[in-house]
Structure formats: structure tokens, C-alpha cells
Amino acid sequence: MKHLETRAKPKGGYTVAHVPDTAAETLAEGQFNRFYIAAICRRAIEDGHLSVHVYRAKQSDSPRSESVALEGTARDAASLLADVRSKDLSLKCDLLKPNSGLSVD
């Protein structure tokens, strides 16, 4: 991975920022979780279950409040599967945000 990246500034122009040392690990964990969630959703649908359960898969000393709010909730398996399969990587799925620590079962 690159050590530096160019980022756009809010008021125009560009700046150079350091890429965190953990970027590769964060990317790998996120992609693994994405495929894992897709597999769990597919299995749930095949078994006739309409929803999956959100749980904390990775412990955090200071989890985001929005992540804590999602713990223990149910998600529609078909719509979640569509979200994780989406080619739009704008992170519209809150479970796929980097370091959320959340997954489904």
C-alpha cells in the first residue's frame, strides 16, 4: 500500500496525507466481513429465514455510538445481501464501515 495519498480539501485544492500503518489490515478485515455477511445472508434466505441478527464480532474499547445502537437488531437478509453485493462502495451499508466491529449471524 502507498504510504502517502492525495486528498481533496473541502475548500478546493489538494493535500498529501499519510496512510495509516493498519490500512492493509483494515481493508482485509472489511472485505472478509463483507463476504462473510453475504454468505450468512444467503444461507438464511436458503433456510427460509427473513432476517439476520447484528452482533459485535470484534471487541472495541470505545465503540462508536451508532455501532452500539445496531447491536442486537435484526436486518432483512435479502436487502442486506443486496447492499453487500452492491458495486457502489460508498459505504451505504452501516455494517461495512471500517472498524465497525459488527457482523451478522
PDB file of N, CA and C in Angstrom:
ATOM      1  N   MET A   1       0.837  -1.170   0.000  1.00  0.00           N
ATOM      2  CA  MET A   1       0.000   0.000   0.000  1.00  0.00           C
ATOM      3  C   MET A   1       0.885   1.237   0.000  1.00  0.00           C
ATOM      4  N   LYS A   2       0.313   2.308  -0.505  1.00  0.00           N
ATOM      5  CA  LYS A   2       1.047   3.569  -0.520  1.00  0.00           C
ATOM      6  C   LYS A   2       1.203   4.112   0.894  1.00  0.00           C
ATOM      7  N   HIS A   3       2.258   4.840   1.128  1.00  0.00           N
ATOM      8  CA  HIS A   3       2.471   5.467   2.428  1.00  0.00           C
ATOM      9  C   HIS A   3       1.862   6.867   2.486  1.00  0.00           C
ATOM     10  N   LEU A   4       1.678   7.482   1.307  1.00  0.00           N
ATOM     11  CA  LEU A   4       1.086   8.813   1.209  1.00  0.00           C
ATOM     12  C   LEU A   4      -0.031   8.778   0.178  1.00  0.00           C
ATOM     13  N   GLU A   5      -1.051   9.606   0.387  1.00  0.00           N
ATOM     14  CA  GLU A   5      -2.118   9.715  -0.595  1.00  0.00           C
ATOM     15  C   GLU A   5      -2.516  11.176  -0.746  1.00  0.00           C
ATOM     16  N   THR A   6      -3.042  11.497  -1.910  1.00  0.00           N
ATOM     17  CA  THR A   6      -3.512  12.848  -2.180  1.00  0.00           C
ATOM     18  C   THR A   6      -4.992  12.911  -1.848  1.00  0.00           C
ATOM     19  N   ARG A   7      -5.373  13.945  -1.101  1.00  0.00           N
ATOM     20  CA  ARG A   7      -6.777  14.126  -0.728  1.00  0.00           C
ATOM     21  C   ARG A   7      -7.235  15.517  -1.133  1.00  0.00           C
ATOM     22  N   ALA A   8      -8.499  15.597  -1.544  1.00  0.00           N
ATOM     23  CA  ALA A   8      -9.082  16.891  -1.885  1.00  0.00           C
ATOM     24  C   ALA A   8      -9.437  17.633  -0.601  1.00  0.00           C
ATOM     25  N   LYS A   9      -9.159  18.936  -0.576  1.00  0.00           N
ATOM     26  CA  LYS A   9      -9.523  19.768   0.573  1.00  0.00           C
ATOM     27  C   LYS A   9     -10.948  20.275   0.380  1.00  0.00           C
ATOM     28  N   PRO A  10     -11.689  20.491   1.460  1.00  0.00           N
ATOM     29  CA  PRO A  10     -13.088  20.929   1.352  1.00  0.00           C
ATOM     30  C   PRO A  10     -13.271  22.229   0.572  1.00  0.00           C
ATOM     31  N   LYS A  11     -12.335  23.151   0.689  1.00  0.00           N
ATOM     32  CA  LYS A  11     -12.470  24.439   0.009  1.00  0.00           C
ATOM     33  C   LYS A  11     -11.731  24.488  -1.315  1.00  0.00           C
ATOM     34  N   GLY A  12     -11.353  23.323  -1.822  1.00  0.00           N
ATOM     35  CA  GLY A  12     -10.646  23.251  -3.093  1.00  0.00           C
ATOM     36  C   GLY A  12      -9.166  22.999  -2.893  1.00  0.00           C
ATOM     37  N   GLY A  13      -8.532  22.488  -3.919  1.00  0.00           N
ATOM     38  CA  GLY A  13      -7.126  22.161  -3.835  1.00  0.00           C
ATOM     39  C   GLY A  13      -6.907  20.769  -3.271  1.00  0.00           C
ATOM     40  N   TYR A  14      -5.649  20.428  -3.088  1.00  0.00           N
ATOM     41  CA  TYR A  14      -5.297  19.096  -2.626  1.00  0.00           C
ATOM     42  C   TYR A  14      -4.248  19.174  -1.541  1.00  0.00           C
ATOM     43  N   THR A  15      -4.169  18.113  -0.763  1.00  0.00           N
ATOM     44  CA  THR A  15      -3.148  17.986   0.264  1.00  0.00           C
ATOM     45  C   THR A  15      -2.641  16.547   0.252  1.00  0.00           C
ATOM     46  N   VAL A  16      -1.505  16.321   0.869  1.00  0.00           N
ATOM     47  CA  VAL A  16      -0.941  14.979   0.961  1.00  0.00           C
ATOM     48  C   VAL A  16      -1.081  14.508   2.404  1.00  0.00           C
ATOM     49  N   ALA A  17      -1.586  13.285   2.578  1.00  0.00           N
ATOM     50  CA  ALA A  17      -1.801  12.737   3.920  1.00  0.00           C
ATOM     51  C   ALA A  17      -1.132  11.377   4.039  1.00  0.00           C
ATOM     52  N   HIS A  18      -0.716  11.028   5.243  1.00  0.00           N
ATOM     53  CA  HIS A  18      -0.120   9.722   5.496  1.00  0.00           C
ATOM     54  C   HIS A  18      -1.220   8.662   5.583  1.00  0.00           C
ATOM     55  N   VAL A  19      -0.957   7.499   5.021  1.00  0.00           N
ATOM     56  CA  VAL A  19      -1.865   6.369   5.113  1.00  0.00           C
ATOM     57  C   VAL A  19      -1.522   5.620   6.400  1.00  0.00           C
ATOM     58  N   PRO A  20      -2.503   5.288   7.231  1.00  0.00           N
ATOM     59  CA  PRO A  20      -2.204   4.590   8.481  1.00  0.00           C
ATOM     60  C   PRO A  20      -1.489   3.260   8.239  1.00  0.00           C
ATOM     61  N   ASP A  21      -0.640   2.881   9.170  1.00  0.00           N
ATOM     62  CA  ASP A  21       0.087   1.611   9.061  1.00  0.00           C
ATOM     63  C   ASP A  21      -0.854   0.414   9.056  1.00  0.00           C
ATOM     64  N   THR A  22      -2.034   0.577   9.608  1.00  0.00           N
ATOM     65  CA  THR A  22      -3.003  -0.515   9.709  1.00  0.00           C
ATOM     66  C   THR A  22      -3.971  -0.577   8.523  1.00  0.00           C
ATOM     67  N   ALA A  23      -3.731   0.218   7.487  1.00  0.00           N
ATOM     68  CA  ALA A  23      -4.672   0.304   6.366  1.00  0.00           C
ATOM     69  C   ALA A  23      -4.883  -1.040   5.680  1.00  0.00           C
ATOM     70  N   ALA A  24      -3.839  -1.798   5.459  1.00  0.00           N
ATOM     71  CA  ALA A  24      -3.985  -3.092   4.779  1.00  0.00           C
ATOM     72  C   ALA A  24      -4.811  -4.060   5.614  1.00  0.00           C
ATOM     73  N   GLU A  25      -4.559  -4.082   6.919  1.00  0.00           N
ATOM     74  CA  GLU A  25      -5.307  -4.973   7.812  1.00  0.00           C
ATOM     75  C   GLU A  25      -6.779  -4.556   7.871  1.00  0.00           C
ATOM     76  N   THR A  26      -7.029  -3.256   7.949  1.00  0.00           N
ATOM     77  CA  THR A  26      -8.400  -2.749   7.989  1.00  0.00           C
ATOM     78  C   THR A  26      -9.145  -3.116   6.710  1.00  0.00           C
ATOM     79  N   LEU A  27      -8.480  -2.967   5.570  1.00  0.00           N
ATOM     80  CA  LEU A  27      -9.079  -3.318   4.285  1.00  0.00           C
ATOM     81  C   LEU A  27      -9.389  -4.815   4.227  1.00  0.00           C
ATOM     82  N   ALA A  28      -8.441  -5.642   4.638  1.00  0.00           N
ATOM     83  CA  ALA A  28      -8.634  -7.095   4.596  1.00  0.00           C
ATOM     84  C   ALA A  28      -9.774  -7.535   5.513  1.00  0.00           C
ATOM     85  N   GLU A  29      -9.816  -7.008   6.726  1.00  0.00           N
ATOM     86  CA  GLU A  29     -10.890  -7.367   7.651  1.00  0.00           C
ATOM     87  C   GLU A  29     -12.248  -6.947   7.110  1.00  0.00           C
ATOM     88  N   GLY A  30     -12.303  -5.770   6.513  1.00  0.00           N
ATOM     89  CA  GLY A  30     -13.556  -5.284   5.945  1.00  0.00           C
ATOM     90  C   GLY A  30     -14.049  -6.143   4.799  1.00  0.00           C
ATOM     91  N   GLN A  31     -13.145  -6.556   3.923  1.00  0.00           N
ATOM     92  CA  GLN A  31     -13.531  -7.398   2.791  1.00  0.00           C
ATOM     93  C   GLN A  31     -13.956  -8.786   3.260  1.00  0.00           C
ATOM     94  N   PHE A  32     -13.228  -9.335   4.242  1.00  0.00           N
ATOM     95  CA  PHE A  32     -13.621 -10.629   4.792  1.00  0.00           C
ATOM     96  C   PHE A  32     -15.034 -10.541   5.363  1.00  0.00           C
ATOM     97  N   ASN A  33     -15.299  -9.500   6.145  1.00  0.00           N
ATOM     98  CA  ASN A  33     -16.616  -9.344   6.761  1.00  0.00           C
ATOM     99  C   ASN A  33     -17.701  -9.177   5.701  1.00  0.00           C
ATOM    100  N   ARG A  34     -17.383  -8.484   4.639  1.00  0.00           N
ATOM    101  CA  ARG A  34     -18.355  -8.297   3.547  1.00  0.00           C
ATOM    102  C   ARG A  34     -18.764  -9.637   2.943  1.00  0.00           C
ATOM    103  N   PHE A  35     -17.771 -10.496   2.648  1.00  0.00           N
ATOM    104  CA  PHE A  35     -18.080 -11.813   2.084  1.00  0.00           C
ATOM    105  C   PHE A  35     -18.762 -12.709   3.116  1.00  0.00           C
ATOM    106  N   TYR A  36     -18.372 -12.597   4.380  1.00  0.00           N
ATOM    107  CA  TYR A  36     -18.984 -13.382   5.442  1.00  0.00           C
ATOM    108  C   TYR A  36     -20.457 -13.015   5.593  1.00  0.00           C
ATOM    109  N   ILE A  37     -20.752 -11.713   5.605  1.00  0.00           N
ATOM    110  CA  ILE A  37     -22.140 -11.259   5.716  1.00  0.00           C
ATOM    111  C   ILE A  37     -22.958 -11.758   4.530  1.00  0.00           C
ATOM    112  N   ALA A  38     -22.381 -11.693   3.335  1.00  0.00           N
ATOM    113  CA  ALA A  38     -23.088 -12.184   2.146  1.00  0.00           C
ATOM    114  C   ALA A  38     -23.409 -13.676   2.290  1.00  0.00           C
ATOM    115  N   ALA A  39     -22.455 -14.454   2.773  1.00  0.00           N
ATOM    116  CA  ALA A  39     -22.670 -15.897   2.940  1.00  0.00           C
ATOM    117  C   ALA A  39     -23.747 -16.177   3.992  1.00  0.00           C
ATOM    118  N   ILE A  40     -23.704 -15.453   5.108  1.00  0.00           N
ATOM    119  CA  ILE A  40     -24.707 -15.644   6.158  1.00  0.00           C
ATOM    120  C   ILE A  40     -26.097 -15.282   5.633  1.00  0.00           C
ATOM    121  N   CYS A  41     -26.205 -14.196   4.881  1.00  0.00           N
ATOM    122  CA  CYS A  41     -27.497 -13.791   4.321  1.00  0.00           C
ATOM    123  C   CYS A  41     -28.019 -14.822   3.330  1.00  0.00           C
ATOM    124  N   ARG A  42     -27.131 -15.314   2.472  1.00  0.00           N
ATOM    125  CA  ARG A  42     -27.549 -16.341   1.503  1.00  0.00           C
ATOM    126  C   ARG A  42     -28.054 -17.582   2.215  1.00  0.00           C
ATOM    127  N   ARG A  43     -27.321 -18.006   3.246  1.00  0.00           N
ATOM    128  CA  ARG A  43     -27.723 -19.204   3.999  1.00  0.00           C
ATOM    129  C   ARG A  43     -29.062 -18.988   4.691  1.00  0.00           C
ATOM    130  N   ALA A  44     -29.247 -17.806   5.271  1.00  0.00           N
ATOM    131  CA  ALA A  44     -30.513 -17.503   5.937  1.00  0.00           C
ATOM    132  C   ALA A  44     -31.674 -17.567   4.952  1.00  0.00           C
ATOM    133  N   ILE A  45     -31.492 -16.983   3.776  1.00  0.00           N
ATOM    134  CA  ILE A  45     -32.539 -16.982   2.752  1.00  0.00           C
ATOM    135  C   ILE A  45     -32.847 -18.409   2.305  1.00  0.00           C
ATOM    136  N   GLU A  46     -31.788 -19.193   2.060  1.00  0.00           N
ATOM    137  CA  GLU A  46     -31.977 -20.585   1.636  1.00  0.00           C
ATOM    138  C   GLU A  46     -32.690 -21.406   2.700  1.00  0.00           C
ATOM    139  N   ASP A  47     -32.461 -21.099   3.972  1.00  0.00           N
ATOM    140  CA  ASP A  47     -33.092 -21.824   5.075  1.00  0.00           C
ATOM    141  C   ASP A  47     -34.466 -21.268   5.434  1.00  0.00           C
ATOM    142  N   GLY A  48     -34.923 -20.264   4.689  1.00  0.00           N
ATOM    143  CA  GLY A  48     -36.251 -19.707   4.908  1.00  0.00           C
ATOM    144  C   GLY A  48     -36.345 -18.649   5.996  1.00  0.00           C
ATOM    145  N   HIS A  49     -35.214 -18.120   6.444  1.00  0.00           N
ATOM    146  CA  HIS A  49     -35.228 -17.061   7.458  1.00  0.00           C
ATOM    147  C   HIS A  49     -35.268 -15.705   6.758  1.00  0.00           C
ATOM    148  N   LEU A  50     -36.081 -14.801   7.258  1.00  0.00           N
ATOM    149  CA  LEU A  50     -36.218 -13.493   6.640  1.00  0.00           C
ATOM    150  C   LEU A  50     -35.184 -12.489   7.130  1.00  0.00           C
ATOM    151  N   SER A  51     -34.640 -12.719   8.327  1.00  0.00           N
ATOM    152  CA  SER A  51     -33.728 -11.728   8.890  1.00  0.00           C
ATOM    153  C   SER A  51     -32.488 -12.381   9.486  1.00  0.00           C
ATOM    154  N   VAL A  52     -31.481 -11.522   9.714  1.00  0.00           N
ATOM    155  CA  VAL A  52     -30.241 -11.928  10.378  1.00  0.00           C
ATOM    156  C   VAL A  52     -30.045 -11.005  11.580  1.00  0.00           C
ATOM    157  N   HIS A  53     -29.246 -11.430  12.521  1.00  0.00           N
ATOM    158  CA  HIS A  53     -29.045 -10.741  13.792  1.00  0.00           C
ATOM    159  C   HIS A  53     -27.690 -10.039  13.780  1.00  0.00           C
ATOM    160  N   VAL A  54     -27.647  -8.759  14.150  1.00  0.00           N
ATOM    161  CA  VAL A  54     -26.403  -7.988  14.194  1.00  0.00           C
ATOM    162  C   VAL A  54     -25.746  -8.196  15.562  1.00  0.00           C
ATOM    163  N   TYR A  55     -24.446  -8.494  15.554  1.00  0.00           N
ATOM    164  CA  TYR A  55     -23.718  -8.662  16.805  1.00  0.00           C
ATOM    165  C   TYR A  55     -22.323  -8.045  16.685  1.00  0.00           C
ATOM    166  N   ARG A  56     -21.681  -7.821  17.810  1.00  0.00           N
ATOM    167  CA  ARG A  56     -20.314  -7.287  17.830  1.00  0.00           C
ATOM    168  C   ARG A  56     -19.359  -8.446  17.639  1.00  0.00           C
ATOM    169  N   ALA A  57     -18.692  -8.472  16.494  1.00  0.00           N
ATOM    170  CA  ALA A  57     -17.767  -9.554  16.164  1.00  0.00           C
ATOM    171  C   ALA A  57     -16.337  -9.251  16.609  1.00  0.00           C
ATOM    172  N   LYS A  58     -16.024  -7.973  16.767  1.00  0.00           N
ATOM    173  CA  LYS A  58     -14.688  -7.571  17.176  1.00  0.00           C
ATOM    174  C   LYS A  58     -14.823  -6.585  18.330  1.00  0.00           C
ATOM    175  N   GLN A  59     -14.230  -6.928  19.454  1.00  0.00           N
ATOM    176  CA  GLN A  59     -14.331  -6.080  20.630  1.00  0.00           C
ATOM    177  C   GLN A  59     -13.603  -4.753  20.419  1.00  0.00           C
ATOM    178  N   SER A  60     -14.140  -3.720  21.036  1.00  0.00           N
ATOM    179  CA  SER A  60     -13.569  -2.390  20.939  1.00  0.00           C
ATOM    180  C   SER A  60     -13.639  -1.725  22.304  1.00  0.00           C
ATOM    181  N   ASP A  61     -12.573  -1.026  22.677  1.00  0.00           N
ATOM    182  CA  ASP A  61     -12.569  -0.314  23.952  1.00  0.00           C
ATOM    183  C   ASP A  61     -13.506   0.886  23.933  1.00  0.00           C
ATOM    184  N   SER A  62     -13.658   1.487  22.753  1.00  0.00           N
ATOM    185  CA  SER A  62     -14.556   2.642  22.633  1.00  0.00           C
ATOM    186  C   SER A  62     -15.339   2.549  21.324  1.00  0.00           C
ATOM    187  N   PRO A  63     -16.371   1.694  21.286  1.00  0.00           N
ATOM    188  CA  PRO A  63     -17.154   1.541  20.056  1.00  0.00           C
ATOM    189  C   PRO A  63     -17.949   2.804  19.735  1.00  0.00           C
ATOM    190  N   ARG A  64     -18.185   3.045  18.448  1.00  0.00           N
ATOM    191  CA  ARG A  64     -18.994   4.184  18.026  1.00  0.00           C
ATOM    192  C   ARG A  64     -20.424   4.012  18.542  1.00  0.00           C
ATOM    193  N   SER A  65     -21.041   5.102  18.886  1.00  0.00           N
ATOM    194  CA  SER A  65     -22.409   5.035  19.415  1.00  0.00           C
ATOM    195  C   SER A  65     -23.377   4.445  18.390  1.00  0.00           C
ATOM    196  N   GLU A  66     -23.173   4.761  17.104  1.00  0.00           N
ATOM    197  CA  GLU A  66     -24.061   4.211  16.078  1.00  0.00           C
ATOM    198  C   GLU A  66     -23.876   2.701  15.929  1.00  0.00           C
ATOM    199  N   SER A  67     -22.666   2.194  16.205  1.00  0.00           N
ATOM    200  CA  SER A  67     -22.439   0.750  16.169  1.00  0.00           C
ATOM    201  C   SER A  67     -23.111   0.072  17.359  1.00  0.00           C
ATOM    202  N   VAL A  68     -22.998   0.680  18.519  1.00  0.00           N
ATOM    203  CA  VAL A  68     -23.632   0.128  19.723  1.00  0.00           C
ATOM    204  C   VAL A  68     -25.142   0.051  19.528  1.00  0.00           C
ATOM    205  N   ALA A  69     -25.705   1.076  18.883  1.00  0.00           N
ATOM    206  CA  ALA A  69     -27.157   1.109  18.657  1.00  0.00           C
ATOM    207  C   ALA A  69     -27.617  -0.024  17.741  1.00  0.00           C
ATOM    208  N   LEU A  70     -26.755  -0.503  16.867  1.00  0.00           N
ATOM    209  CA  LEU A  70     -27.122  -1.569  15.938  1.00  0.00           C
ATOM    210  C   LEU A  70     -27.021  -2.960  16.550  1.00  0.00           C
ATOM    211  N   GLU A  71     -26.226  -3.109  17.604  1.00  0.00           N
ATOM    212  CA  GLU A  71     -26.046  -4.417  18.226  1.00  0.00           C
ATOM    213  C   GLU A  71     -27.383  -4.974  18.693  1.00  0.00           C
ATOM    214  N   GLY A  72     -27.634  -6.233  18.363  1.00  0.00           N
ATOM    215  CA  GLY A  72     -28.858  -6.892  18.802  1.00  0.00           C
ATOM    216  C   GLY A  72     -30.063  -6.641  17.921  1.00  0.00           C
ATOM    217  N   THR A  73     -29.907  -5.840  16.879  1.00  0.00           N
ATOM    218  CA  THR A  73     -31.035  -5.575  15.980  1.00  0.00           C
ATOM    219  C   THR A  73     -31.108  -6.648  14.898  1.00  0.00           C
ATOM    220  N   ALA A  74     -32.226  -6.713  14.228  1.00  0.00           N
ATOM    221  CA  ALA A  74     -32.411  -7.648  13.119  1.00  0.00           C
ATOM    222  C   ALA A  74     -32.383  -6.865  11.814  1.00  0.00           C
ATOM    223  N   ARG A  75     -31.834  -7.482  10.782  1.00  0.00           N
ATOM    224  CA  ARG A  75     -31.803  -6.877   9.441  1.00  0.00           C
ATOM    225  C   ARG A  75     -32.434  -7.834   8.453  1.00  0.00           C
ATOM    226  N   ASP A  76     -33.130  -7.288   7.483  1.00  0.00           N
ATOM    227  CA  ASP A  76     -33.702  -8.098   6.416  1.00  0.00           C
ATOM    228  C   ASP A  76     -32.562  -8.727   5.614  1.00  0.00           C
ATOM    229  N   ALA A  77     -32.552 -10.042   5.534  1.00  0.00           N
ATOM    230  CA  ALA A  77     -31.444 -10.762   4.893  1.00  0.00           C
ATOM    231  C   ALA A  77     -31.324 -10.426   3.405  1.00  0.00           C
ATOM    232  N   ALA A  78     -32.430 -10.331   2.700  1.00  0.00           N
ATOM    233  CA  ALA A  78     -32.392 -10.071   1.257  1.00  0.00           C
ATOM    234  C   ALA A  78     -31.871  -8.672   0.952  1.00  0.00           C
ATOM    235  N   SER A  79     -32.331  -7.664   1.694  1.00  0.00           N
ATOM    236  CA  SER A  79     -31.866  -6.302   1.406  1.00  0.00           C
ATOM    237  C   SER A  79     -30.419  -6.113   1.843  1.00  0.00           C
ATOM    238  N   LEU A  80     -30.009  -6.755   2.943  1.00  0.00           N
ATOM    239  CA  LEU A  80     -28.609  -6.674   3.359  1.00  0.00           C
ATOM    240  C   LEU A  80     -27.710  -7.354   2.342  1.00  0.00           C
ATOM    241  N   LEU A  81     -28.144  -8.484   1.813  1.00  0.00           N
ATOM    242  CA  LEU A  81     -27.374  -9.162   0.773  1.00  0.00           C
ATOM    243  C   LEU A  81     -27.220  -8.261  -0.445  1.00  0.00           C
ATOM    244  N   ALA A  82     -28.277  -7.579  -0.841  1.00  0.00           N
ATOM    245  CA  ALA A  82     -28.198  -6.649  -1.976  1.00  0.00           C
ATOM    246  C   ALA A  82     -27.210  -5.524  -1.690  1.00  0.00           C
ATOM    247  N   ASP A  83     -27.205  -5.017  -0.447  1.00  0.00           N
ATOM    248  CA  ASP A  83     -26.273  -3.947  -0.081  1.00  0.00           C
ATOM    249  C   ASP A  83     -24.814  -4.401  -0.173  1.00  0.00           C
ATOM    250  N   VAL A  84     -24.507  -5.584   0.360  1.00  0.00           N
ATOM    251  CA  VAL A  84     -23.109  -6.023   0.351  1.00  0.00           C
ATOM    252  C   VAL A  84     -22.648  -6.450  -1.037  1.00  0.00           C
ATOM    253  N   ARG A  85     -23.595  -6.786  -1.899  1.00  0.00           N
ATOM    254  CA  ARG A  85     -23.248  -7.127  -3.283  1.00  0.00           C
ATOM    255  C   ARG A  85     -23.126  -5.898  -4.170  1.00  0.00           C
ATOM    256  N   SER A  86     -23.599  -4.772  -3.693  1.00  0.00           N
ATOM    257  CA  SER A  86     -23.613  -3.551  -4.484  1.00  0.00           C
ATOM    258  C   SER A  86     -22.207  -3.166  -4.938  1.00  0.00           C
ATOM    259  N   LYS A  87     -22.109  -2.722  -6.173  1.00  0.00           N
ATOM    260  CA  LYS A  87     -20.820  -2.259  -6.695  1.00  0.00           C
ATOM    261  C   LYS A  87     -20.514  -0.849  -6.240  1.00  0.00           C
ATOM    262  N   ASP A  88     -21.534  -0.189  -5.686  1.00  0.00           N
ATOM    263  CA  ASP A  88     -21.359   1.159  -5.157  1.00  0.00           C
ATOM    264  C   ASP A  88     -20.694   1.036  -3.793  1.00  0.00           C
ATOM    265  N   LEU A  89     -19.433   1.353  -3.724  1.00  0.00           N
ATOM    266  CA  LEU A  89     -18.678   1.188  -2.484  1.00  0.00           C
ATOM    267  C   LEU A  89     -18.719   2.442  -1.620  1.00  0.00           C
ATOM    268  N   SER A  90     -19.810   3.194  -1.697  1.00  0.00           N
ATOM    269  CA  SER A  90     -19.923   4.434  -0.931  1.00  0.00           C
ATOM    270  C   SER A  90     -20.263   4.172   0.537  1.00  0.00           C
ATOM    271  N   LEU A  91     -20.219   2.913   0.923  1.00  0.00           N
ATOM    272  CA  LEU A  91     -20.481   2.513   2.306  1.00  0.00           C
ATOM    273  C   LEU A  91     -21.871   2.908   2.775  1.00  0.00           C
ATOM    274  N   LYS A  92     -22.867   2.687   1.903  1.00  0.00           N
ATOM    275  CA  LYS A  92     -24.234   2.968   2.318  1.00  0.00           C
ATOM    276  C   LYS A  92     -24.697   1.970   3.374  1.00  0.00           C
ATOM    277  N   CYS A  93     -23.992   0.865   3.491  1.00  0.00           N
ATOM    278  CA  CYS A  93     -24.324  -0.144   4.492  1.00  0.00           C
ATOM    279  C   CYS A  93     -23.528   0.139   5.763  1.00  0.00           C
ATOM    280  N   ASP A  94     -24.229   0.470   6.839  1.00  0.00           N
ATOM    281  CA  ASP A  94     -23.563   0.834   8.086  1.00  0.00           C
ATOM    282  C   ASP A  94     -22.755  -0.301   8.708  1.00  0.00           C
ATOM    283  N   LEU A  95     -23.056  -1.542   8.353  1.00  0.00           N
ATOM    284  CA  LEU A  95     -22.283  -2.673   8.884  1.00  0.00           C
ATOM    285  C   LEU A  95     -20.916  -2.798   8.221  1.00  0.00           C
ATOM    286  N   LEU A  96     -20.735  -2.136   7.094  1.00  0.00           N
ATOM    287  CA  LEU A  96     -19.473  -2.256   6.358  1.00  0.00           C
ATOM    288  C   LEU A  96     -18.532  -1.082   6.571  1.00  0.00           C
ATOM    289  N   LYS A  97     -18.856  -0.194   7.472  1.00  0.00           N
ATOM    290  CA  LYS A  97     -17.960   0.914   7.742  1.00  0.00           C
ATOM    291  C   LYS A  97     -16.657   0.367   8.344  1.00  0.00           C
ATOM    292  N   PRO A  98     -15.520   0.950   7.982  1.00  0.00           N
ATOM    293  CA  PRO A  98     -14.250   0.441   8.509  1.00  0.00           C
ATOM    294  C   PRO A  98     -14.235   0.422  10.032  1.00  0.00           C
ATOM    295  N   ASN A  99     -13.759  -0.673  10.576  1.00  0.00           N
ATOM    296  CA  ASN A  99     -13.605  -0.852  12.018  1.00  0.00           C
ATOM    297  C   ASN A  99     -14.913  -0.764  12.794  1.00  0.00           C
ATOM    298  N   SER A 100     -16.048  -1.082  12.176  1.00  0.00           N
ATOM    299  CA  SER A 100     -17.299  -1.047  12.936  1.00  0.00           C
ATOM    300  C   SER A 100     -17.319  -2.164  13.976  1.00  0.00           C
ATOM    301  N   GLY A 101     -16.677  -3.276  13.667  1.00  0.00           N
ATOM    302  CA  GLY A 101     -16.655  -4.403  14.593  1.00  0.00           C
ATOM    303  C   GLY A 101     -17.934  -5.210  14.573  1.00  0.00           C
ATOM    304  N   LEU A 102     -18.856  -4.891  13.671  1.00  0.00           N
ATOM    305  CA  LEU A 102     -20.147  -5.565  13.622  1.00  0.00           C
ATOM    306  C   LEU A 102     -20.203  -6.595  12.502  1.00  0.00           C
ATOM    307  N   SER A 103     -20.988  -7.640  12.724  1.00  0.00           N
ATOM    308  CA  SER A 103     -21.250  -8.627  11.709  1.00  0.00           C
ATOM    309  C   SER A 103     -22.637  -9.191  11.969  1.00  0.00           C
ATOM    310  N   VAL A 104     -22.997 -10.271  11.292  1.00  0.00           N
ATOM    311  CA  VAL A 104     -24.337 -10.867  11.463  1.00  0.00           C
ATOM    312  C   VAL A 104     -24.232 -12.374  11.653  1.00  0.00           C
ATOM    313  N   ASP A 105     -25.265 -12.916  12.283  1.00  0.00           N
ATOM    314  CA  ASP A 105     -25.377 -14.370  12.385  1.00  0.00           C
ATOM    315  C   ASP A 105     -26.822 -14.778  12.195  1.00  0.00           C
TER     316      ASP A 105
END
